[in-house]
Amino acid sequence: MTQRANNSLPPTYFDALYAADADPWRFETSAYERAKYEATLAALPMPRSTSALEIGCSIGVLTARLAPRCDRLRAVDVSSRALDIARRRCGELPQVSFEEVRVPQQWPDGTFDLILLSEVLYYLDRDDLARLAAQVSGALQPGGAVMMVHWLGETDYPLSGDAAVEHFMRELTRQRSARVVRRSREAEYRLDCLVLG
């Protein structure tokens, strides 16, 4: 069994990945990613978002697909290299803005009716997930949705996909009332969507 990291992964972890490969997870070419993106967009509980936040946007492949359904979309990532690629990819999408942010140590201003966490929660340890849940709770408008999509395979990240999502949801529902509106489990990933009161 792979040895897990004890703490949240630092920005240097991602800097090294993007320095070695501009698309380390094959977001542009992977059939898995393409199917997961289609499932994510199909599961969104509202046809359009007035103000969305994507945490961990990477090189902007999902960002570009989500943008047509948003009046405003703020996309954040810890890697400046990834953000440079994402900005170029989404350069003709005026509703999209990008910001270099390391959650939960930093948090973007504003409130949102959709917060997307795709393949990011398991990079954080339990303490940081609790802090992130408090930030999401404070930034999500009443009736807003938080969408989580996470790989279920073996990693050396601090938590598995299941453990990260379950812990985050427990912490989030301590802060605000919430109801599950979408939940599905595929062979390789799980998708969970909550609407907060």
N, C-alpha and C. Protein backbone atom coordinates (compact mmCIF):
# COMPACT_ATOMS: atom_id res chain seq x y z
N MET A 1 0.84 -1.19 0.00
CA MET A 1 0.00 0.00 0.00
C MET A 1 0.88 1.25 0.00
N THR A 2 0.47 2.27 -0.72
CA THR A 2 1.24 3.50 -0.85
C THR A 2 1.21 4.27 0.48
N GLN A 3 2.36 4.83 0.84
CA GLN A 3 2.45 5.67 2.05
C GLN A 3 1.84 7.03 1.76
N ARG A 4 0.89 7.43 2.58
CA ARG A 4 0.22 8.71 2.38
C ARG A 4 1.02 9.86 2.98
N ALA A 5 0.89 11.04 2.36
CA ALA A 5 1.45 12.26 2.94
C ALA A 5 0.72 12.55 4.25
N ASN A 6 1.42 13.08 5.23
CA ASN A 6 0.81 13.38 6.52
C ASN A 6 0.08 14.71 6.54
N ASN A 7 0.51 15.63 5.69
CA ASN A 7 -0.05 16.98 5.70
C ASN A 7 -0.50 17.38 4.30
N SER A 8 -1.24 18.48 4.23
CA SER A 8 -1.67 19.02 2.93
C SER A 8 -0.47 19.19 2.01
N LEU A 9 -0.67 18.90 0.74
CA LEU A 9 0.43 19.00 -0.22
C LEU A 9 0.76 20.48 -0.47
N PRO A 10 2.05 20.85 -0.47
CA PRO A 10 2.44 22.26 -0.62
C PRO A 10 2.44 22.68 -2.09
N PRO A 11 2.46 24.00 -2.34
CA PRO A 11 2.53 24.48 -3.72
C PRO A 11 3.71 23.90 -4.50
N THR A 12 4.82 23.63 -3.84
CA THR A 12 5.99 23.09 -4.54
C THR A 12 5.71 21.74 -5.18
N TYR A 13 4.81 20.96 -4.59
CA TYR A 13 4.43 19.67 -5.17
C TYR A 13 3.85 19.88 -6.58
N PHE A 14 2.95 20.86 -6.70
CA PHE A 14 2.30 21.12 -7.99
C PHE A 14 3.24 21.84 -8.94
N ASP A 15 4.07 22.74 -8.41
CA ASP A 15 5.06 23.41 -9.26
C ASP A 15 5.95 22.38 -9.96
N ALA A 16 6.39 21.37 -9.21
CA ALA A 16 7.25 20.34 -9.79
C ALA A 16 6.53 19.54 -10.87
N LEU A 17 5.26 19.21 -10.63
CA LEU A 17 4.49 18.47 -11.63
C LEU A 17 4.36 19.25 -12.93
N TYR A 18 3.97 20.53 -12.83
CA TYR A 18 3.77 21.33 -14.03
C TYR A 18 5.08 21.71 -14.71
N ALA A 19 6.17 21.76 -13.95
CA ALA A 19 7.48 22.01 -14.56
C ALA A 19 7.90 20.83 -15.44
N ALA A 20 7.52 19.63 -15.01
CA ALA A 20 7.89 18.42 -15.76
C ALA A 20 6.95 18.15 -16.93
N ASP A 21 5.68 18.59 -16.81
CA ASP A 21 4.67 18.26 -17.81
C ASP A 21 3.55 19.29 -17.71
N ALA A 22 3.26 19.98 -18.80
CA ALA A 22 2.24 21.03 -18.78
C ALA A 22 0.83 20.48 -18.53
N ASP A 23 0.62 19.19 -18.75
CA ASP A 23 -0.69 18.56 -18.51
C ASP A 23 -0.46 17.22 -17.81
N PRO A 24 -0.04 17.25 -16.53
CA PRO A 24 0.37 16.01 -15.87
C PRO A 24 -0.73 14.98 -15.68
N TRP A 25 -1.98 15.40 -15.66
CA TRP A 25 -3.09 14.46 -15.50
C TRP A 25 -3.83 14.19 -16.81
N ARG A 26 -3.32 14.69 -17.92
CA ARG A 26 -3.90 14.48 -19.25
C ARG A 26 -5.35 14.99 -19.34
N PHE A 27 -5.57 16.17 -18.76
CA PHE A 27 -6.91 16.76 -18.81
C PHE A 27 -7.38 17.00 -20.24
N GLU A 28 -6.45 17.31 -21.13
CA GLU A 28 -6.82 17.63 -22.52
C GLU A 28 -7.15 16.40 -23.35
N THR A 29 -6.60 15.24 -23.00
CA THR A 29 -6.69 14.09 -23.91
C THR A 29 -7.32 12.85 -23.30
N SER A 30 -7.50 12.80 -21.98
CA SER A 30 -7.96 11.58 -21.32
C SER A 30 -9.45 11.33 -21.53
N ALA A 31 -9.79 10.12 -21.92
CA ALA A 31 -11.20 9.74 -22.04
C ALA A 31 -11.88 9.76 -20.67
N TYR A 32 -11.15 9.38 -19.64
CA TYR A 32 -11.68 9.45 -18.27
C TYR A 32 -12.07 10.88 -17.91
N GLU A 33 -11.17 11.82 -18.18
CA GLU A 33 -11.46 13.22 -17.85
C GLU A 33 -12.64 13.74 -18.66
N ARG A 34 -12.69 13.41 -19.94
CA ARG A 34 -13.78 13.88 -20.80
C ARG A 34 -15.13 13.38 -20.29
N ALA A 35 -15.21 12.09 -19.95
CA ALA A 35 -16.46 11.52 -19.44
C ALA A 35 -16.82 12.13 -18.08
N LYS A 36 -15.83 12.34 -17.25
CA LYS A 36 -16.07 12.92 -15.93
C LYS A 36 -16.57 14.37 -16.06
N TYR A 37 -16.00 15.14 -16.98
CA TYR A 37 -16.45 16.51 -17.19
C TYR A 37 -17.90 16.54 -17.67
N GLU A 38 -18.24 15.64 -18.59
CA GLU A 38 -19.62 15.58 -19.07
C GLU A 38 -20.58 15.24 -17.93
N ALA A 39 -20.21 14.28 -17.08
CA ALA A 39 -21.04 13.91 -15.95
C ALA A 39 -21.16 15.06 -14.95
N THR A 40 -20.07 15.77 -14.73
CA THR A 40 -20.08 16.91 -13.80
C THR A 40 -21.05 17.99 -14.27
N LEU A 41 -20.94 18.36 -15.53
CA LEU A 41 -21.82 19.41 -16.07
C LEU A 41 -23.28 18.96 -16.08
N ALA A 42 -23.52 17.69 -16.39
CA ALA A 42 -24.89 17.17 -16.41
C ALA A 42 -25.50 17.15 -15.02
N ALA A 43 -24.67 17.02 -13.98
CA ALA A 43 -25.17 16.90 -12.61
C ALA A 43 -25.40 18.25 -11.92
N LEU A 44 -24.97 19.34 -12.53
CA LEU A 44 -25.17 20.65 -11.89
C LEU A 44 -26.66 20.89 -11.66
N PRO A 45 -27.04 21.33 -10.47
CA PRO A 45 -28.46 21.43 -10.14
C PRO A 45 -29.16 22.64 -10.74
N MET A 46 -28.41 23.58 -11.30
CA MET A 46 -29.03 24.74 -11.93
C MET A 46 -28.55 24.87 -13.37
N PRO A 47 -29.43 25.31 -14.26
CA PRO A 47 -29.01 25.43 -15.65
C PRO A 47 -27.95 26.50 -15.87
N ARG A 48 -27.95 27.52 -14.99
CA ARG A 48 -27.00 28.62 -15.15
C ARG A 48 -26.63 29.16 -13.77
N SER A 49 -25.37 29.55 -13.63
CA SER A 49 -24.87 30.16 -12.39
C SER A 49 -24.64 31.64 -12.63
N THR A 50 -25.02 32.46 -11.63
CA THR A 50 -24.73 33.89 -11.75
C THR A 50 -23.31 34.20 -11.31
N SER A 51 -22.79 33.42 -10.35
CA SER A 51 -21.45 33.66 -9.83
C SER A 51 -20.88 32.34 -9.32
N ALA A 52 -19.95 31.76 -10.07
CA ALA A 52 -19.38 30.45 -9.73
C ALA A 52 -17.92 30.58 -9.35
N LEU A 53 -17.47 29.64 -8.51
CA LEU A 53 -16.08 29.55 -8.11
C LEU A 53 -15.59 28.14 -8.37
N GLU A 54 -14.51 28.01 -9.13
CA GLU A 54 -13.87 26.72 -9.36
C GLU A 54 -12.55 26.70 -8.61
N ILE A 55 -12.44 25.81 -7.63
CA ILE A 55 -11.22 25.69 -6.84
C ILE A 55 -10.36 24.58 -7.44
N GLY A 56 -9.12 24.93 -7.78
CA GLY A 56 -8.22 23.96 -8.39
C GLY A 56 -8.49 23.79 -9.87
N CYS A 57 -8.47 24.91 -10.60
CA CYS A 57 -8.85 24.88 -12.02
C CYS A 57 -7.78 24.28 -12.91
N SER A 58 -6.55 24.15 -12.43
CA SER A 58 -5.45 23.61 -13.21
C SER A 58 -5.29 24.38 -14.52
N ILE A 59 -5.22 23.69 -15.64
CA ILE A 59 -4.95 24.33 -16.93
C ILE A 59 -6.23 24.78 -17.65
N GLY A 60 -7.37 24.72 -16.95
CA GLY A 60 -8.57 25.35 -17.45
C GLY A 60 -9.42 24.56 -18.42
N VAL A 61 -9.22 23.25 -18.51
CA VAL A 61 -10.02 22.46 -19.45
C VAL A 61 -11.48 22.41 -19.01
N LEU A 62 -11.74 22.08 -17.76
CA LEU A 62 -13.11 22.09 -17.26
C LEU A 62 -13.64 23.52 -17.16
N THR A 63 -12.79 24.46 -16.83
CA THR A 63 -13.18 25.88 -16.76
C THR A 63 -13.82 26.32 -18.07
N ALA A 64 -13.18 26.00 -19.18
CA ALA A 64 -13.68 26.40 -20.49
C ALA A 64 -15.03 25.77 -20.80
N ARG A 65 -15.26 24.57 -20.28
CA ARG A 65 -16.54 23.89 -20.53
C ARG A 65 -17.64 24.42 -19.61
N LEU A 66 -17.25 24.83 -18.40
CA LEU A 66 -18.22 25.36 -17.44
C LEU A 66 -18.62 26.80 -17.76
N ALA A 67 -17.71 27.57 -18.30
CA ALA A 67 -17.91 29.01 -18.50
C ALA A 67 -19.19 29.38 -19.25
N PRO A 68 -19.60 28.69 -20.31
CA PRO A 68 -20.81 29.09 -21.01
C PRO A 68 -22.08 29.02 -20.14
N ARG A 69 -22.00 28.32 -19.01
CA ARG A 69 -23.14 28.21 -18.10
C ARG A 69 -23.07 29.18 -16.94
N CYS A 70 -22.14 30.15 -17.01
CA CYS A 70 -21.92 31.08 -15.89
C CYS A 70 -21.93 32.53 -16.38
N ASP A 71 -22.60 33.39 -15.61
CA ASP A 71 -22.48 34.83 -15.87
C ASP A 71 -21.09 35.31 -15.47
N ARG A 72 -20.61 34.81 -14.33
CA ARG A 72 -19.26 35.09 -13.86
C ARG A 72 -18.68 33.79 -13.30
N LEU A 73 -17.43 33.54 -13.63
CA LEU A 73 -16.74 32.35 -13.14
C LEU A 73 -15.35 32.75 -12.69
N ARG A 74 -15.08 32.58 -11.40
CA ARG A 74 -13.74 32.82 -10.87
C ARG A 74 -13.07 31.46 -10.71
N ALA A 75 -11.92 31.30 -11.30
CA ALA A 75 -11.18 30.04 -11.27
C ALA A 75 -9.86 30.28 -10.55
N VAL A 76 -9.57 29.45 -9.56
CA VAL A 76 -8.36 29.64 -8.77
C VAL A 76 -7.53 28.36 -8.76
N ASP A 77 -6.22 28.55 -8.62
CA ASP A 77 -5.32 27.41 -8.52
C ASP A 77 -4.07 27.86 -7.79
N VAL A 78 -3.33 26.91 -7.24
CA VAL A 78 -2.11 27.20 -6.49
C VAL A 78 -0.91 27.36 -7.41
N SER A 79 -1.01 26.90 -8.67
CA SER A 79 0.13 26.89 -9.58
C SER A 79 0.06 28.02 -10.60
N SER A 80 1.07 28.89 -10.58
CA SER A 80 1.11 29.96 -11.57
C SER A 80 1.33 29.41 -12.98
N ARG A 81 2.07 28.32 -13.11
CA ARG A 81 2.28 27.69 -14.42
C ARG A 81 0.96 27.22 -15.02
N ALA A 82 0.16 26.53 -14.20
CA ALA A 82 -1.14 26.05 -14.68
C ALA A 82 -2.05 27.22 -15.04
N LEU A 83 -2.03 28.26 -14.23
CA LEU A 83 -2.89 29.41 -14.49
C LEU A 83 -2.51 30.12 -15.79
N ASP A 84 -1.24 30.18 -16.13
CA ASP A 84 -0.84 30.79 -17.40
C ASP A 84 -1.49 30.05 -18.58
N ILE A 85 -1.50 28.72 -18.51
CA ILE A 85 -2.12 27.92 -19.58
C ILE A 85 -3.63 28.13 -19.57
N ALA A 86 -4.22 28.14 -18.38
CA ALA A 86 -5.68 28.33 -18.28
C ALA A 86 -6.10 29.68 -18.83
N ARG A 87 -5.33 30.72 -18.54
CA ARG A 87 -5.68 32.06 -19.05
C ARG A 87 -5.65 32.08 -20.57
N ARG A 88 -4.66 31.43 -21.16
CA ARG A 88 -4.60 31.38 -22.63
C ARG A 88 -5.78 30.60 -23.19
N ARG A 89 -6.10 29.49 -22.56
CA ARG A 89 -7.21 28.65 -23.03
C ARG A 89 -8.54 29.41 -23.00
N CYS A 90 -8.73 30.22 -21.97
CA CYS A 90 -10.02 30.89 -21.76
C CYS A 90 -9.98 32.37 -22.11
N GLY A 91 -8.99 32.75 -22.91
CA GLY A 91 -8.79 34.16 -23.23
C GLY A 91 -9.96 34.84 -23.90
N GLU A 92 -10.80 34.08 -24.58
CA GLU A 92 -11.94 34.68 -25.27
C GLU A 92 -13.24 34.50 -24.49
N LEU A 93 -13.13 34.21 -23.21
CA LEU A 93 -14.29 34.04 -22.34
C LEU A 93 -14.27 35.15 -21.29
N PRO A 94 -14.91 36.28 -21.59
CA PRO A 94 -14.78 37.46 -20.72
C PRO A 94 -15.39 37.27 -19.33
N GLN A 95 -16.26 36.30 -19.16
CA GLN A 95 -16.88 36.08 -17.85
C GLN A 95 -15.97 35.33 -16.89
N VAL A 96 -14.80 34.87 -17.37
CA VAL A 96 -13.89 34.07 -16.55
C VAL A 96 -12.73 34.93 -16.05
N SER A 97 -12.44 34.84 -14.76
CA SER A 97 -11.25 35.48 -14.20
C SER A 97 -10.45 34.42 -13.43
N PHE A 98 -9.15 34.62 -13.37
CA PHE A 98 -8.26 33.66 -12.72
C PHE A 98 -7.48 34.34 -11.61
N GLU A 99 -7.16 33.54 -10.59
CA GLU A 99 -6.41 34.08 -9.45
C GLU A 99 -5.57 32.95 -8.85
N GLU A 100 -4.34 33.30 -8.48
CA GLU A 100 -3.48 32.34 -7.80
C GLU A 100 -3.82 32.35 -6.31
N VAL A 101 -4.39 31.25 -5.84
CA VAL A 101 -4.88 31.15 -4.46
C VAL A 101 -4.54 29.77 -3.92
N ARG A 102 -4.06 29.72 -2.69
CA ARG A 102 -3.85 28.46 -2.00
C ARG A 102 -4.89 28.33 -0.90
N VAL A 103 -5.88 27.48 -1.11
CA VAL A 103 -6.89 27.26 -0.08
C VAL A 103 -6.38 26.18 0.87
N PRO A 104 -6.71 26.25 2.15
CA PRO A 104 -7.56 27.23 2.82
C PRO A 104 -6.80 28.42 3.37
N GLN A 105 -5.48 28.50 3.13
CA GLN A 105 -4.70 29.61 3.66
C GLN A 105 -5.15 30.95 3.10
N GLN A 106 -5.66 30.92 1.87
CA GLN A 106 -6.19 32.12 1.21
C GLN A 106 -7.59 31.79 0.71
N TRP A 107 -8.38 32.83 0.49
CA TRP A 107 -9.73 32.62 -0.02
C TRP A 107 -10.14 33.83 -0.85
N PRO A 108 -10.75 33.62 -2.02
CA PRO A 108 -11.16 34.76 -2.85
C PRO A 108 -12.34 35.51 -2.25
N ASP A 109 -12.42 36.80 -2.53
CA ASP A 109 -13.53 37.62 -2.05
C ASP A 109 -14.81 37.26 -2.78
N GLY A 110 -15.93 37.60 -2.18
CA GLY A 110 -17.21 37.47 -2.85
C GLY A 110 -18.03 36.29 -2.36
N THR A 111 -19.25 36.23 -2.87
CA THR A 111 -20.13 35.09 -2.59
C THR A 111 -20.52 34.46 -3.93
N PHE A 112 -20.95 33.19 -3.83
CA PHE A 112 -21.13 32.39 -5.04
C PHE A 112 -22.40 31.55 -4.91
N ASP A 113 -23.01 31.24 -6.05
CA ASP A 113 -24.14 30.31 -6.03
C ASP A 113 -23.73 28.91 -6.46
N LEU A 114 -22.45 28.76 -6.87
CA LEU A 114 -21.89 27.45 -7.21
C LEU A 114 -20.42 27.44 -6.84
N ILE A 115 -20.00 26.44 -6.10
CA ILE A 115 -18.58 26.22 -5.83
C ILE A 115 -18.24 24.80 -6.27
N LEU A 116 -17.27 24.69 -7.16
CA LEU A 116 -16.87 23.41 -7.73
C LEU A 116 -15.52 23.00 -7.17
N LEU A 117 -15.47 21.79 -6.63
CA LEU A 117 -14.24 21.19 -6.10
C LEU A 117 -14.03 19.88 -6.85
N SER A 118 -13.30 19.94 -7.94
CA SER A 118 -13.09 18.75 -8.76
C SER A 118 -11.65 18.29 -8.59
N GLU A 119 -11.50 17.11 -7.98
CA GLU A 119 -10.18 16.49 -7.79
C GLU A 119 -9.24 17.38 -6.97
N VAL A 120 -9.73 17.93 -5.85
CA VAL A 120 -8.87 18.78 -5.02
C VAL A 120 -8.90 18.43 -3.53
N LEU A 121 -9.99 17.91 -3.01
CA LEU A 121 -10.12 17.75 -1.56
C LEU A 121 -9.07 16.83 -0.97
N TYR A 122 -8.68 15.78 -1.70
CA TYR A 122 -7.75 14.81 -1.12
C TYR A 122 -6.31 15.29 -1.06
N TYR A 123 -6.02 16.47 -1.60
CA TYR A 123 -4.69 17.06 -1.43
C TYR A 123 -4.53 17.71 -0.06
N LEU A 124 -5.63 17.85 0.67
CA LEU A 124 -5.63 18.53 1.97
C LEU A 124 -5.74 17.53 3.10
N ASP A 125 -5.16 17.88 4.25
CA ASP A 125 -5.33 17.05 5.43
C ASP A 125 -6.65 17.42 6.12
N ARG A 126 -7.00 16.69 7.17
CA ARG A 126 -8.30 16.89 7.81
C ARG A 126 -8.48 18.28 8.40
N ASP A 127 -7.43 18.84 8.99
CA ASP A 127 -7.55 20.19 9.55
C ASP A 127 -7.82 21.23 8.46
N ASP A 128 -7.10 21.12 7.34
CA ASP A 128 -7.32 22.07 6.24
C ASP A 128 -8.68 21.86 5.59
N LEU A 129 -9.16 20.62 5.54
CA LEU A 129 -10.51 20.38 5.02
C LEU A 129 -11.56 21.04 5.89
N ALA A 130 -11.37 21.02 7.20
CA ALA A 130 -12.31 21.69 8.11
C ALA A 130 -12.30 23.19 7.87
N ARG A 131 -11.12 23.77 7.69
CA ARG A 131 -11.03 25.21 7.40
C ARG A 131 -11.67 25.54 6.06
N LEU A 132 -11.43 24.68 5.07
CA LEU A 132 -12.04 24.89 3.75
C LEU A 132 -13.56 24.82 3.83
N ALA A 133 -14.09 23.87 4.59
CA ALA A 133 -15.55 23.76 4.74
C ALA A 133 -16.13 25.04 5.33
N ALA A 134 -15.44 25.63 6.31
CA ALA A 134 -15.91 26.88 6.91
C ALA A 134 -15.90 28.01 5.88
N GLN A 135 -14.88 28.04 5.03
CA GLN A 135 -14.81 29.08 3.99
C GLN A 135 -15.91 28.90 2.95
N VAL A 136 -16.12 27.67 2.52
CA VAL A 136 -17.19 27.40 1.56
C VAL A 136 -18.54 27.77 2.16
N SER A 137 -18.76 27.41 3.40
CA SER A 137 -20.01 27.74 4.07
C SER A 137 -20.25 29.24 4.10
N GLY A 138 -19.20 30.01 4.39
CA GLY A 138 -19.35 31.46 4.46
C GLY A 138 -19.50 32.14 3.12
N ALA A 139 -19.04 31.49 2.05
CA ALA A 139 -19.06 32.12 0.72
C ALA A 139 -20.23 31.68 -0.16
N LEU A 140 -20.92 30.61 0.23
CA LEU A 140 -21.99 30.08 -0.62
C LEU A 140 -23.31 30.76 -0.28
N GLN A 141 -23.95 31.31 -1.28
CA GLN A 141 -25.23 31.98 -1.08
C GLN A 141 -26.30 30.97 -0.67
N PRO A 142 -27.34 31.40 0.05
CA PRO A 142 -28.44 30.48 0.39
C PRO A 142 -29.02 29.85 -0.88
N GLY A 143 -29.17 28.53 -0.85
CA GLY A 143 -29.65 27.82 -2.02
C GLY A 143 -28.56 27.51 -3.03
N GLY A 144 -27.33 27.89 -2.71
CA GLY A 144 -26.21 27.63 -3.60
C GLY A 144 -25.74 26.19 -3.50
N ALA A 145 -25.02 25.76 -4.52
CA ALA A 145 -24.59 24.35 -4.61
C ALA A 145 -23.07 24.24 -4.50
N VAL A 146 -22.64 23.17 -3.85
CA VAL A 146 -21.23 22.79 -3.86
C VAL A 146 -21.13 21.42 -4.52
N MET A 147 -20.35 21.37 -5.60
CA MET A 147 -20.17 20.14 -6.38
C MET A 147 -18.78 19.59 -6.14
N MET A 148 -18.73 18.30 -5.81
CA MET A 148 -17.46 17.63 -5.55
C MET A 148 -17.34 16.42 -6.47
N VAL A 149 -16.18 16.27 -7.12
CA VAL A 149 -15.93 15.13 -7.98
C VAL A 149 -14.51 14.66 -7.69
N HIS A 150 -14.36 13.37 -7.30
CA HIS A 150 -13.05 12.90 -6.87
C HIS A 150 -12.76 11.47 -7.31
N TRP A 151 -11.52 11.28 -7.74
CA TRP A 151 -11.02 9.98 -8.15
C TRP A 151 -10.95 9.06 -6.95
N LEU A 152 -11.19 7.77 -7.18
CA LEU A 152 -11.24 6.80 -6.09
C LEU A 152 -10.04 5.86 -6.04
N GLY A 153 -9.10 6.03 -6.93
CA GLY A 153 -7.95 5.13 -6.99
C GLY A 153 -6.93 5.40 -5.88
N GLU A 154 -5.93 4.56 -5.83
CA GLU A 154 -4.87 4.65 -4.82
C GLU A 154 -3.94 5.81 -5.13
N THR A 155 -3.59 6.58 -4.12
CA THR A 155 -2.66 7.71 -4.27
C THR A 155 -1.77 7.79 -3.02
N ASP A 156 -0.84 8.74 -3.06
CA ASP A 156 -0.05 9.05 -1.87
C ASP A 156 -0.51 10.36 -1.25
N TYR A 157 -1.69 10.84 -1.62
CA TYR A 157 -2.23 12.08 -1.08
C TYR A 157 -2.60 11.88 0.40
N PRO A 158 -2.84 12.97 1.13
CA PRO A 158 -3.17 12.82 2.55
C PRO A 158 -4.40 11.95 2.82
N LEU A 159 -5.40 12.00 1.94
CA LEU A 159 -6.63 11.23 2.13
C LEU A 159 -7.06 10.59 0.83
N SER A 160 -7.83 9.52 0.92
CA SER A 160 -8.44 8.93 -0.27
C SER A 160 -9.59 9.83 -0.73
N GLY A 161 -10.08 9.57 -1.94
CA GLY A 161 -11.22 10.33 -2.43
C GLY A 161 -12.42 10.21 -1.50
N ASP A 162 -12.73 8.99 -1.08
CA ASP A 162 -13.87 8.78 -0.18
C ASP A 162 -13.67 9.49 1.15
N ALA A 163 -12.51 9.31 1.77
CA ALA A 163 -12.26 9.90 3.08
C ALA A 163 -12.31 11.42 3.02
N ALA A 164 -11.74 12.00 1.98
CA ALA A 164 -11.72 13.46 1.85
C ALA A 164 -13.13 14.02 1.69
N VAL A 165 -13.91 13.43 0.80
CA VAL A 165 -15.27 13.93 0.56
C VAL A 165 -16.14 13.76 1.79
N GLU A 166 -16.08 12.61 2.41
CA GLU A 166 -16.92 12.37 3.60
C GLU A 166 -16.56 13.33 4.73
N HIS A 167 -15.28 13.55 4.96
CA HIS A 167 -14.86 14.47 6.02
C HIS A 167 -15.29 15.90 5.69
N PHE A 168 -15.08 16.32 4.47
CA PHE A 168 -15.47 17.67 4.06
C PHE A 168 -16.98 17.87 4.23
N MET A 169 -17.78 16.90 3.79
CA MET A 169 -19.23 17.04 3.91
C MET A 169 -19.68 17.09 5.37
N ARG A 170 -19.06 16.28 6.22
CA ARG A 170 -19.39 16.33 7.66
C ARG A 170 -19.10 17.71 8.23
N GLU A 171 -17.93 18.25 7.89
CA GLU A 171 -17.56 19.58 8.39
C GLU A 171 -18.48 20.66 7.84
N LEU A 172 -18.83 20.55 6.58
CA LEU A 172 -19.70 21.55 5.96
C LEU A 172 -21.09 21.54 6.59
N THR A 173 -21.63 20.37 6.84
CA THR A 173 -22.99 20.29 7.41
C THR A 173 -23.00 20.64 8.90
N ARG A 174 -21.84 20.75 9.53
CA ARG A 174 -21.79 21.31 10.89
C ARG A 174 -22.03 22.82 10.83
N GLN A 175 -21.67 23.42 9.71
CA GLN A 175 -21.76 24.88 9.55
C GLN A 175 -23.15 25.33 9.06
N ARG A 176 -23.70 24.58 8.12
CA ARG A 176 -24.95 24.99 7.46
C ARG A 176 -25.81 23.76 7.20
N SER A 177 -27.11 23.99 7.14
CA SER A 177 -27.99 22.91 6.71
C SER A 177 -27.74 22.64 5.23
N ALA A 178 -27.81 21.40 4.86
CA ALA A 178 -27.51 21.02 3.47
C ALA A 178 -28.29 19.78 3.11
N ARG A 179 -28.59 19.66 1.82
CA ARG A 179 -29.24 18.44 1.35
C ARG A 179 -28.50 17.95 0.11
N VAL A 180 -28.38 16.65 0.03
CA VAL A 180 -27.74 16.03 -1.14
C VAL A 180 -28.73 16.06 -2.30
N VAL A 181 -28.32 16.63 -3.41
CA VAL A 181 -29.20 16.67 -4.59
C VAL A 181 -28.71 15.78 -5.71
N ARG A 182 -27.43 15.42 -5.69
CA ARG A 182 -26.88 14.48 -6.67
C ARG A 182 -25.81 13.65 -5.97
N ARG A 183 -25.81 12.38 -6.25
CA ARG A 183 -24.75 11.50 -5.76
C ARG A 183 -24.65 10.34 -6.72
N SER A 184 -23.45 10.11 -7.23
CA SER A 184 -23.25 8.95 -8.09
C SER A 184 -21.83 8.44 -7.87
N ARG A 185 -21.67 7.16 -8.17
CA ARG A 185 -20.38 6.51 -7.99
C ARG A 185 -20.11 5.67 -9.23
N GLU A 186 -19.02 5.99 -9.88
CA GLU A 186 -18.57 5.22 -11.04
C GLU A 186 -17.40 4.35 -10.59
N ALA A 187 -16.86 3.56 -11.51
CA ALA A 187 -15.74 2.69 -11.16
C ALA A 187 -14.54 3.49 -10.67
N GLU A 188 -14.32 4.67 -11.25
CA GLU A 188 -13.10 5.42 -10.95
C GLU A 188 -13.30 6.69 -10.15
N TYR A 189 -14.52 7.20 -10.06
CA TYR A 189 -14.72 8.46 -9.35
C TYR A 189 -16.11 8.51 -8.71
N ARG A 190 -16.26 9.43 -7.75
CA ARG A 190 -17.55 9.70 -7.14
C ARG A 190 -17.89 11.17 -7.38
N LEU A 191 -19.19 11.42 -7.47
CA LEU A 191 -19.69 12.77 -7.69
C LEU A 191 -20.73 13.05 -6.61
N ASP A 192 -20.59 14.16 -5.91
CA ASP A 192 -21.51 14.55 -4.85
C ASP A 192 -21.86 16.01 -5.00
N CYS A 193 -23.14 16.34 -4.89
CA CYS A 193 -23.57 17.74 -4.97
C CYS A 193 -24.52 18.02 -3.81
N LEU A 194 -24.21 19.06 -3.05
CA LEU A 194 -25.04 19.52 -1.94
C LEU A 194 -25.58 20.89 -2.24
N VAL A 195 -26.80 21.17 -1.83
CA VAL A 195 -27.37 22.50 -1.85
C VAL A 195 -27.49 22.95 -0.40
N LEU A 196 -26.97 24.14 -0.11
CA LEU A 196 -26.98 24.64 1.26
C LEU A 196 -28.15 25.58 1.50
N GLY A 197 -28.67 25.50 2.70
CA GLY A 197 -29.78 26.36 3.09
C GLY A 197 -29.31 27.75 3.48
